[in-house]
Every structure is written in C-alpha cells, then in structure tokens.
Amino acid sequence: DYQILGAKLLAHPAEVQGIAPLKNWILDHVEDEVVF
C-alpha cells in the first residue's frame, strides 16, 4: 500500500504493536545515532 509513495520503507513485524514497542523496534533497527 505504501510503495505508491516512492519513499524508503522499513517493515516491522506484526507482533510489534503500540507506541513503546514500535519506537524501541525503530531504535533497534535504525543505525544512525540521532533518530528523529
């Protein structure tokens, strides 16, 4: 659904639900020191 945007995409697993688990997952999977 999101490929139409032409943006860089990163898919998270279905079991990652809610703000805290999702943001922790992002911090674990984005290597940059600063994440906005």
ModelCIF file with pLDDT and N, C-alpha, C, O atoms, coordinates in Angstrom:
data_MODEL
#
_entry.id   MODEL 
#
_entity.id                         1 
_entity.type                       polymer 
_entity.pdbx_number_of_molecules   1 
#
_entity_poly.entity_id                      1 
_entity_poly.type                           'polypeptide(L)' 
_entity_poly.nstd_linkage                   no 
_entity_poly.nstd_monomer                   no 
_entity_poly.pdbx_seq_one_letter_code       DYQILGAKLLAHPAEVQGIAPLKNWILDHVEDEVVF 
_entity_poly.pdbx_seq_one_letter_code_can   DYQILGAKLLAHPAEVQGIAPLKNWILDHVEDEVVF 
_entity_poly.pdbx_strand_id                 A 
#
loop_
_entity_poly_seq.entity_id 
_entity_poly_seq.num 
_entity_poly_seq.mon_id 
_entity_poly_seq.hetero 
1 1  ASP n 
1 2  TYR n 
1 3  GLN n 
1 4  ILE n 
1 5  LEU n 
1 6  GLY n 
1 7  ALA n 
1 8  LYS n 
1 9  LEU n 
1 10 LEU n 
1 11 ALA n 
1 12 HIS n 
1 13 PRO n 
1 14 ALA n 
1 15 GLU n 
1 16 VAL n 
1 17 GLN n 
1 18 GLY n 
1 19 ILE n 
1 20 ALA n 
1 21 PRO n 
1 22 LEU n 
1 23 LYS n 
1 24 ASN n 
1 25 TRP n 
1 26 ILE n 
1 27 LEU n 
1 28 ASP n 
1 29 HIS n 
1 30 VAL n 
1 31 GLU n 
1 32 ASP n 
1 33 GLU n 
1 34 VAL n 
1 35 VAL n 
1 36 PHE n 
#
_struct_asym.id          A 
_struct_asym.entity_id   1 
#
loop_
_ma_qa_metric.id 
_ma_qa_metric.mode 
_ma_qa_metric.name 
_ma_qa_metric.software_group_id 
_ma_qa_metric.type 
1 global pLDDT . pLDDT 
2 local  pLDDT . pLDDT 
#
_ma_qa_metric_global.metric_id      1 
_ma_qa_metric_global.metric_value   96.78 
_ma_qa_metric_global.model_id       1 
_ma_qa_metric_global.ordinal_id     1 
#
loop_
_ma_qa_metric_local.label_asym_id 
_ma_qa_metric_local.label_comp_id 
_ma_qa_metric_local.label_seq_id 
_ma_qa_metric_local.metric_id 
_ma_qa_metric_local.metric_value 
_ma_qa_metric_local.model_id 
_ma_qa_metric_local.ordinal_id 
A ASP 1  2 97.00 1 1  
A TYR 2  2 97.00 1 2  
A GLN 3  2 97.00 1 3  
A ILE 4  2 96.00 1 4  
A LEU 5  2 96.00 1 5  
A GLY 6  2 96.00 1 6  
A ALA 7  2 97.00 1 7  
A LYS 8  2 97.00 1 8  
A LEU 9  2 98.00 1 9  
A LEU 10 2 98.00 1 10 
A ALA 11 2 98.00 1 11 
A HIS 12 2 98.00 1 12 
A PRO 13 2 97.00 1 13 
A ALA 14 2 95.00 1 14 
A GLU 15 2 95.00 1 15 
A VAL 16 2 96.00 1 16 
A GLN 17 2 92.00 1 17 
A GLY 18 2 93.00 1 18 
A ILE 19 2 94.00 1 19 
A ALA 20 2 96.00 1 20 
A PRO 21 2 96.00 1 21 
A LEU 22 2 97.00 1 22 
A LYS 23 2 98.00 1 23 
A ASN 24 2 98.00 1 24 
A TRP 25 2 98.00 1 25 
A ILE 26 2 98.00 1 26 
A LEU 27 2 98.00 1 27 
A ASP 28 2 98.00 1 28 
A HIS 29 2 98.00 1 29 
A VAL 30 2 98.00 1 30 
A GLU 31 2 96.00 1 31 
A ASP 32 2 97.00 1 32 
A GLU 33 2 97.00 1 33 
A VAL 34 2 98.00 1 34 
A VAL 35 2 98.00 1 35 
A PHE 36 2 98.00 1 36 
#
loop_
_atom_site.group_PDB 
_atom_site.id 
_atom_site.type_symbol 
_atom_site.label_atom_id 
_atom_site.label_alt_id 
_atom_site.label_comp_id 
_atom_site.label_asym_id 
_atom_site.label_entity_id 
_atom_site.label_seq_id 
_atom_site.pdbx_PDB_ins_code 
_atom_site.Cartn_x 
_atom_site.Cartn_y 
_atom_site.Cartn_z 
_atom_site.occupancy 
_atom_site.B_iso_or_equiv 
_atom_site.pdbx_formal_charge 
_atom_site.auth_seq_id 
_atom_site.auth_comp_id 
_atom_site.auth_asym_id 
_atom_site.auth_atom_id 
_atom_site.pdbx_PDB_model_num 
ATOM 1   N N  . ASP A 1 1  ? 0.826  -1.206 0.000  1.00 97.00 ? 1  ASP A N  1 
ATOM 2   C CA . ASP A 1 1  ? 0.000  0.000  0.000  1.00 97.00 ? 1  ASP A CA 1 
ATOM 3   C C  . ASP A 1 1  ? 0.861  1.257  0.000  1.00 97.00 ? 1  ASP A C  1 
ATOM 4   O O  . ASP A 1 1  ? 0.502  2.254  -0.627 1.00 97.00 ? 1  ASP A O  1 
ATOM 5   N N  . TYR A 1 2  ? 1.989  1.217  0.696  1.00 97.00 ? 2  TYR A N  1 
ATOM 6   C CA . TYR A 1 2  ? 2.829  2.408  0.855  1.00 97.00 ? 2  TYR A CA 1 
ATOM 7   C C  . TYR A 1 2  ? 3.848  2.584  -0.271 1.00 97.00 ? 2  TYR A C  1 
ATOM 8   O O  . TYR A 1 2  ? 4.461  3.645  -0.382 1.00 97.00 ? 2  TYR A O  1 
ATOM 9   N N  . GLN A 1 3  ? 4.034  1.576  -1.094 1.00 97.00 ? 3  GLN A N  1 
ATOM 10  C CA . GLN A 1 3  ? 5.014  1.696  -2.170 1.00 97.00 ? 3  GLN A CA 1 
ATOM 11  C C  . GLN A 1 3  ? 4.653  2.798  -3.164 1.00 97.00 ? 3  GLN A C  1 
ATOM 12  O O  . GLN A 1 3  ? 5.524  3.323  -3.858 1.00 97.00 ? 3  GLN A O  1 
ATOM 13  N N  . ILE A 1 4  ? 3.384  3.140  -3.229 1.00 96.00 ? 4  ILE A N  1 
ATOM 14  C CA . ILE A 1 4  ? 2.930  4.187  -4.148 1.00 96.00 ? 4  ILE A CA 1 
ATOM 15  C C  . ILE A 1 4  ? 3.571  5.534  -3.813 1.00 96.00 ? 4  ILE A C  1 
ATOM 16  O O  . ILE A 1 4  ? 3.651  6.409  -4.675 1.00 96.00 ? 4  ILE A O  1 
ATOM 17  N N  . LEU A 1 5  ? 4.030  5.709  -2.569 1.00 96.00 ? 5  LEU A N  1 
ATOM 18  C CA . LEU A 1 5  ? 4.617  6.975  -2.152 1.00 96.00 ? 5  LEU A CA 1 
ATOM 19  C C  . LEU A 1 5  ? 6.021  7.184  -2.711 1.00 96.00 ? 5  LEU A C  1 
ATOM 20  O O  . LEU A 1 5  ? 6.499  8.315  -2.786 1.00 96.00 ? 5  LEU A O  1 
ATOM 21  N N  . GLY A 1 6  ? 6.678  6.099  -3.100 1.00 96.00 ? 6  GLY A N  1 
ATOM 22  C CA . GLY A 1 6  ? 8.037  6.201  -3.608 1.00 96.00 ? 6  GLY A CA 1 
ATOM 23  C C  . GLY A 1 6  ? 9.055  6.531  -2.535 1.00 96.00 ? 6  GLY A C  1 
ATOM 24  O O  . GLY A 1 6  ? 10.156 6.986  -2.847 1.00 96.00 ? 6  GLY A O  1 
ATOM 25  N N  . ALA A 1 7  ? 8.709  6.311  -1.285 1.00 97.00 ? 7  ALA A N  1 
ATOM 26  C CA . ALA A 1 7  ? 9.600  6.604  -0.161 1.00 97.00 ? 7  ALA A CA 1 
ATOM 27  C C  . ALA A 1 7  ? 10.382 5.354  0.249  1.00 97.00 ? 7  ALA A C  1 
ATOM 28  O O  . ALA A 1 7  ? 10.051 4.235  -0.144 1.00 97.00 ? 7  ALA A O  1 
ATOM 29  N N  . LYS A 1 8  ? 11.415 5.574  1.038  1.00 97.00 ? 8  LYS A N  1 
ATOM 30  C CA . LYS A 1 8  ? 12.149 4.448  1.620  1.00 97.00 ? 8  LYS A CA 1 
ATOM 31  C C  . LYS A 1 8  ? 11.273 3.815  2.690  1.00 97.00 ? 8  LYS A C  1 
ATOM 32  O O  . LYS A 1 8  ? 10.757 4.514  3.562  1.00 97.00 ? 8  LYS A O  1 
ATOM 33  N N  . LEU A 1 9  ? 11.101 2.498  2.632  1.00 98.00 ? 9  LEU A N  1 
ATOM 34  C CA . LEU A 1 9  ? 10.220 1.795  3.559  1.00 98.00 ? 9  LEU A CA 1 
ATOM 35  C C  . LEU A 1 9  ? 11.009 0.801  4.405  1.00 98.00 ? 9  LEU A C  1 
ATOM 36  O O  . LEU A 1 9  ? 11.986 0.204  3.955  1.00 98.00 ? 9  LEU A O  1 
ATOM 37  N N  . LEU A 1 10 ? 10.552 0.645  5.642  1.00 98.00 ? 10 LEU A N  1 
ATOM 38  C CA . LEU A 1 10 ? 11.089 -0.384 6.531  1.00 98.00 ? 10 LEU A CA 1 
ATOM 39  C C  . LEU A 1 10 ? 9.896  -1.060 7.193  1.00 98.00 ? 10 LEU A C  1 
ATOM 40  O O  . LEU A 1 10 ? 9.107  -0.398 7.867  1.00 98.00 ? 10 LEU A O  1 
ATOM 41  N N  . ALA A 1 11 ? 9.757  -2.368 7.008  1.00 98.00 ? 11 ALA A N  1 
ATOM 42  C CA . ALA A 1 11 ? 8.597  -3.104 7.519  1.00 98.00 ? 11 ALA A CA 1 
ATOM 43  C C  . ALA A 1 11 ? 8.886  -3.691 8.889  1.00 98.00 ? 11 ALA A C  1 
ATOM 44  O O  . ALA A 1 11 ? 9.925  -4.315 9.102  1.00 98.00 ? 11 ALA A O  1 
ATOM 45  N N  . HIS A 1 12 ? 7.960  -3.487 9.815  1.00 98.00 ? 12 HIS A N  1 
ATOM 46  C CA . HIS A 1 12 ? 8.090  -4.091 11.136 1.00 98.00 ? 12 HIS A CA 1 
ATOM 47  C C  . HIS A 1 12 ? 7.171  -5.308 11.254 1.00 98.00 ? 12 HIS A C  1 
ATOM 48  O O  . HIS A 1 12 ? 6.149  -5.373 10.571 1.00 98.00 ? 12 HIS A O  1 
ATOM 49  N N  . PRO A 1 13 ? 7.516  -6.262 12.100 1.00 97.00 ? 13 PRO A N  1 
ATOM 50  C CA . PRO A 1 13 ? 6.699  -7.472 12.247 1.00 97.00 ? 13 PRO A CA 1 
ATOM 51  C C  . PRO A 1 13 ? 5.320  -7.170 12.824 1.00 97.00 ? 13 PRO A C  1 
ATOM 52  O O  . PRO A 1 13 ? 5.112  -6.141 13.467 1.00 97.00 ? 13 PRO A O  1 
ATOM 53  N N  . ALA A 1 14 ? 4.389  -8.079 12.586 1.00 95.00 ? 14 ALA A N  1 
ATOM 54  C CA . ALA A 1 14 ? 3.008  -7.886 13.037 1.00 95.00 ? 14 ALA A CA 1 
ATOM 55  C C  . ALA A 1 14 ? 2.905  -7.817 14.548 1.00 95.00 ? 14 ALA A C  1 
ATOM 56  O O  . ALA A 1 14 ? 2.018  -7.145 15.072 1.00 95.00 ? 14 ALA A O  1 
ATOM 57  N N  . GLU A 1 15 ? 3.792  -8.499 15.258 1.00 95.00 ? 15 GLU A N  1 
ATOM 58  C CA . GLU A 1 15 ? 3.678  -8.539 16.717 1.00 95.00 ? 15 GLU A CA 1 
ATOM 59  C C  . GLU A 1 15 ? 4.097  -7.226 17.383 1.00 95.00 ? 15 GLU A C  1 
ATOM 60  O O  . GLU A 1 15 ? 3.857  -7.046 18.577 1.00 95.00 ? 15 GLU A O  1 
ATOM 61  N N  . VAL A 1 16 ? 4.707  -6.322 16.651 1.00 96.00 ? 16 VAL A N  1 
ATOM 62  C CA . VAL A 1 16 ? 5.098  -5.027 17.214 1.00 96.00 ? 16 VAL A CA 1 
ATOM 63  C C  . VAL A 1 16 ? 3.886  -4.106 17.199 1.00 96.00 ? 16 VAL A C  1 
ATOM 64  O O  . VAL A 1 16 ? 3.496  -3.599 16.147 1.00 96.00 ? 16 VAL A O  1 
ATOM 65  N N  . GLN A 1 17 ? 3.293  -3.894 18.365 1.00 92.00 ? 17 GLN A N  1 
ATOM 66  C CA . GLN A 1 17 ? 2.059  -3.117 18.487 1.00 92.00 ? 17 GLN A CA 1 
ATOM 67  C C  . GLN A 1 17 ? 2.206  -2.057 19.582 1.00 92.00 ? 17 GLN A C  1 
ATOM 68  O O  . GLN A 1 17 ? 2.760  -2.340 20.645 1.00 92.00 ? 17 GLN A O  1 
ATOM 69  N N  . GLY A 1 18 ? 1.721  -0.855 19.332 1.00 93.00 ? 18 GLY A N  1 
ATOM 70  C CA . GLY A 1 18 ? 1.753  0.193  20.339 1.00 93.00 ? 18 GLY A CA 1 
ATOM 71  C C  . GLY A 1 18 ? 2.976  1.077  20.219 1.00 93.00 ? 18 GLY A C  1 
ATOM 72  O O  . GLY A 1 18 ? 3.971  0.702  19.598 1.00 93.00 ? 18 GLY A O  1 
ATOM 73  N N  . ILE A 1 19 ? 2.896  2.259  20.820 1.00 94.00 ? 19 ILE A N  1 
ATOM 74  C CA . ILE A 1 19 ? 3.942  3.265  20.651 1.00 94.00 ? 19 ILE A CA 1 
ATOM 75  C C  . ILE A 1 19 ? 5.285  2.807  21.197 1.00 94.00 ? 19 ILE A C  1 
ATOM 76  O O  . ILE A 1 19 ? 6.294  2.882  20.496 1.00 94.00 ? 19 ILE A O  1 
ATOM 77  N N  . ALA A 1 20 ? 5.311  2.333  22.439 1.00 96.00 ? 20 ALA A N  1 
ATOM 78  C CA . ALA A 1 20 ? 6.599  1.972  23.046 1.00 96.00 ? 20 ALA A CA 1 
ATOM 79  C C  . ALA A 1 20 ? 7.283  0.815  22.313 1.00 96.00 ? 20 ALA A C  1 
ATOM 80  O O  . ALA A 1 20 ? 8.454  0.944  21.954 1.00 96.00 ? 20 ALA A O  1 
ATOM 81  N N  . PRO A 1 21 ? 6.605  -0.304 22.079 1.00 96.00 ? 21 PRO A N  1 
ATOM 82  C CA . PRO A 1 21 ? 7.272  -1.392 21.356 1.00 96.00 ? 21 PRO A CA 1 
ATOM 83  C C  . PRO A 1 21 ? 7.740  -0.973 19.956 1.00 96.00 ? 21 PRO A C  1 
ATOM 84  O O  . PRO A 1 21 ? 8.808  -1.387 19.506 1.00 96.00 ? 21 PRO A O  1 
ATOM 85  N N  . LEU A 1 22 ? 6.935  -0.152 19.273 1.00 97.00 ? 22 LEU A N  1 
ATOM 86  C CA . LEU A 1 22 ? 7.318  0.260  17.923 1.00 97.00 ? 22 LEU A CA 1 
ATOM 87  C C  . LEU A 1 22 ? 8.549  1.169  17.947 1.00 97.00 ? 22 LEU A C  1 
ATOM 88  O O  . LEU A 1 22 ? 9.455  0.998  17.131 1.00 97.00 ? 22 LEU A O  1 
ATOM 89  N N  . LYS A 1 23 ? 8.592  2.120  18.861 1.00 98.00 ? 23 LYS A N  1 
ATOM 90  C CA . LYS A 1 23 ? 9.742  3.024  18.908 1.00 98.00 ? 23 LYS A CA 1 
ATOM 91  C C  . LYS A 1 23 ? 11.002 2.303  19.374 1.00 98.00 ? 23 LYS A C  1 
ATOM 92  O O  . LYS A 1 23 ? 12.098 2.618  18.912 1.00 98.00 ? 23 LYS A O  1 
ATOM 93  N N  . ASN A 1 24 ? 10.860 1.343  20.278 1.00 98.00 ? 24 ASN A N  1 
ATOM 94  C CA . ASN A 1 24 ? 12.021 0.533  20.642 1.00 98.00 ? 24 ASN A CA 1 
ATOM 95  C C  . ASN A 1 24 ? 12.523 -0.259 19.439 1.00 98.00 ? 24 ASN A C  1 
ATOM 96  O O  . ASN A 1 24 ? 13.729 -0.393 19.232 1.00 98.00 ? 24 ASN A O  1 
ATOM 97  N N  . TRP A 1 25 ? 11.596 -0.777 18.657 1.00 98.00 ? 25 TRP A N  1 
ATOM 98  C CA . TRP A 1 25 ? 11.968 -1.540 17.455 1.00 98.00 ? 25 TRP A CA 1 
ATOM 99  C C  . TRP A 1 25 ? 12.701 -0.637 16.474 1.00 98.00 ? 25 TRP A C  1 
ATOM 100 O O  . TRP A 1 25 ? 13.694 -1.045 15.872 1.00 98.00 ? 25 TRP A O  1 
ATOM 101 N N  . ILE A 1 26 ? 12.217 0.576  16.314 1.00 98.00 ? 26 ILE A N  1 
ATOM 102 C CA . ILE A 1 26 ? 12.879 1.533  15.420 1.00 98.00 ? 26 ILE A CA 1 
ATOM 103 C C  . ILE A 1 26 ? 14.302 1.808  15.894 1.00 98.00 ? 26 ILE A C  1 
ATOM 104 O O  . ILE A 1 26 ? 15.235 1.802  15.091 1.00 98.00 ? 26 ILE A O  1 
ATOM 105 N N  . LEU A 1 27 ? 14.474 2.047  17.188 1.00 98.00 ? 27 LEU A N  1 
ATOM 106 C CA . LEU A 1 27 ? 15.807 2.323  17.714 1.00 98.00 ? 27 LEU A CA 1 
ATOM 107 C C  . LEU A 1 27 ? 16.747 1.135  17.541 1.00 98.00 ? 27 LEU A C  1 
ATOM 108 O O  . LEU A 1 27 ? 17.960 1.304  17.411 1.00 98.00 ? 27 LEU A O  1 
ATOM 109 N N  . ASP A 1 28 ? 16.181 -0.060 17.540 1.00 98.00 ? 28 ASP A N  1 
ATOM 110 C CA . ASP A 1 28 ? 16.989 -1.270 17.362 1.00 98.00 ? 28 ASP A CA 1 
ATOM 111 C C  . ASP A 1 28 ? 17.362 -1.518 15.901 1.00 98.00 ? 28 ASP A C  1 
ATOM 112 O O  . ASP A 1 28 ? 18.325 -2.231 15.616 1.00 98.00 ? 28 ASP A O  1 
ATOM 113 N N  . HIS A 1 29 ? 16.597 -0.927 14.974 1.00 98.00 ? 29 HIS A N  1 
ATOM 114 C CA . HIS A 1 29 ? 16.794 -1.251 13.561 1.00 98.00 ? 29 HIS A CA 1 
ATOM 115 C C  . HIS A 1 29 ? 17.240 -0.070 12.701 1.00 98.00 ? 29 HIS A C  1 
ATOM 116 O O  . HIS A 1 29 ? 17.431 -0.229 11.495 1.00 98.00 ? 29 HIS A O  1 
ATOM 117 N N  . VAL A 1 30 ? 17.406 1.091  13.289 1.00 98.00 ? 30 VAL A N  1 
ATOM 118 C CA . VAL A 1 30 ? 17.961 2.252  12.579 1.00 98.00 ? 30 VAL A CA 1 
ATOM 119 C C  . VAL A 1 30 ? 19.316 2.550  13.201 1.00 98.00 ? 30 VAL A C  1 
ATOM 120 O O  . VAL A 1 30 ? 19.411 2.766  14.409 1.00 98.00 ? 30 VAL A O  1 
ATOM 121 N N  . GLU A 1 31 ? 20.360 2.563  12.389 1.00 96.00 ? 31 GLU A N  1 
ATOM 122 C CA . GLU A 1 31 ? 21.721 2.625  12.907 1.00 96.00 ? 31 GLU A CA 1 
ATOM 123 C C  . GLU A 1 31 ? 22.180 4.035  13.280 1.00 96.00 ? 31 GLU A C  1 
ATOM 124 O O  . GLU A 1 31 ? 23.094 4.182  14.092 1.00 96.00 ? 31 GLU A O  1 
ATOM 125 N N  . ASP A 1 32 ? 21.576 5.060  12.716 1.00 97.00 ? 32 ASP A N  1 
ATOM 126 C CA . ASP A 1 32 ? 22.026 6.426  12.977 1.00 97.00 ? 32 ASP A CA 1 
ATOM 127 C C  . ASP A 1 32 ? 21.959 6.743  14.470 1.00 97.00 ? 32 ASP A C  1 
ATOM 128 O O  . ASP A 1 32 ? 21.025 6.330  15.158 1.00 97.00 ? 32 ASP A O  1 
ATOM 129 N N  . GLU A 1 33 ? 22.950 7.474  14.962 1.00 97.00 ? 33 GLU A N  1 
ATOM 130 C CA . GLU A 1 33 ? 22.965 7.829  16.379 1.00 97.00 ? 33 GLU A CA 1 
ATOM 131 C C  . GLU A 1 33 ? 21.773 8.698  16.744 1.00 97.00 ? 33 GLU A C  1 
ATOM 132 O O  . GLU A 1 33 ? 21.178 8.528  17.808 1.00 97.00 ? 33 GLU A O  1 
ATOM 133 N N  . VAL A 1 34 ? 21.420 9.635  15.859 1.00 98.00 ? 34 VAL A N  1 
ATOM 134 C CA . VAL A 1 34 ? 20.293 10.528 16.102 1.00 98.00 ? 34 VAL A CA 1 
ATOM 135 C C  . VAL A 1 34 ? 19.116 10.075 15.238 1.00 98.00 ? 34 VAL A C  1 
ATOM 136 O O  . VAL A 1 34 ? 19.222 9.981  14.015 1.00 98.00 ? 34 VAL A O  1 
ATOM 137 N N  . VAL A 1 35 ? 17.999 9.799  15.898 1.00 98.00 ? 35 VAL A N  1 
ATOM 138 C CA . VAL A 1 35 ? 16.778 9.386  15.204 1.00 98.00 ? 35 VAL A CA 1 
ATOM 139 C C  . VAL A 1 35 ? 15.686 10.399 15.530 1.00 98.00 ? 35 VAL A C  1 
ATOM 140 O O  . VAL A 1 35 ? 15.386 10.645 16.698 1.00 98.00 ? 35 VAL A O  1 
ATOM 141 N N  . PHE A 1 36 ? 15.099 10.980 14.500 1.00 98.00 ? 36 PHE A N  1 
ATOM 142 C CA . PHE A 1 36 ? 14.029 11.964 14.672 1.00 98.00 ? 36 PHE A CA 1 
ATOM 143 C C  . PHE A 1 36 ? 12.728 11.306 14.219 1.00 98.00 ? 36 PHE A C  1 
ATOM 144 O O  . PHE A 1 36 ? 11.670 11.933 14.266 1.00 98.00 ? 36 PHE A O  1 
#
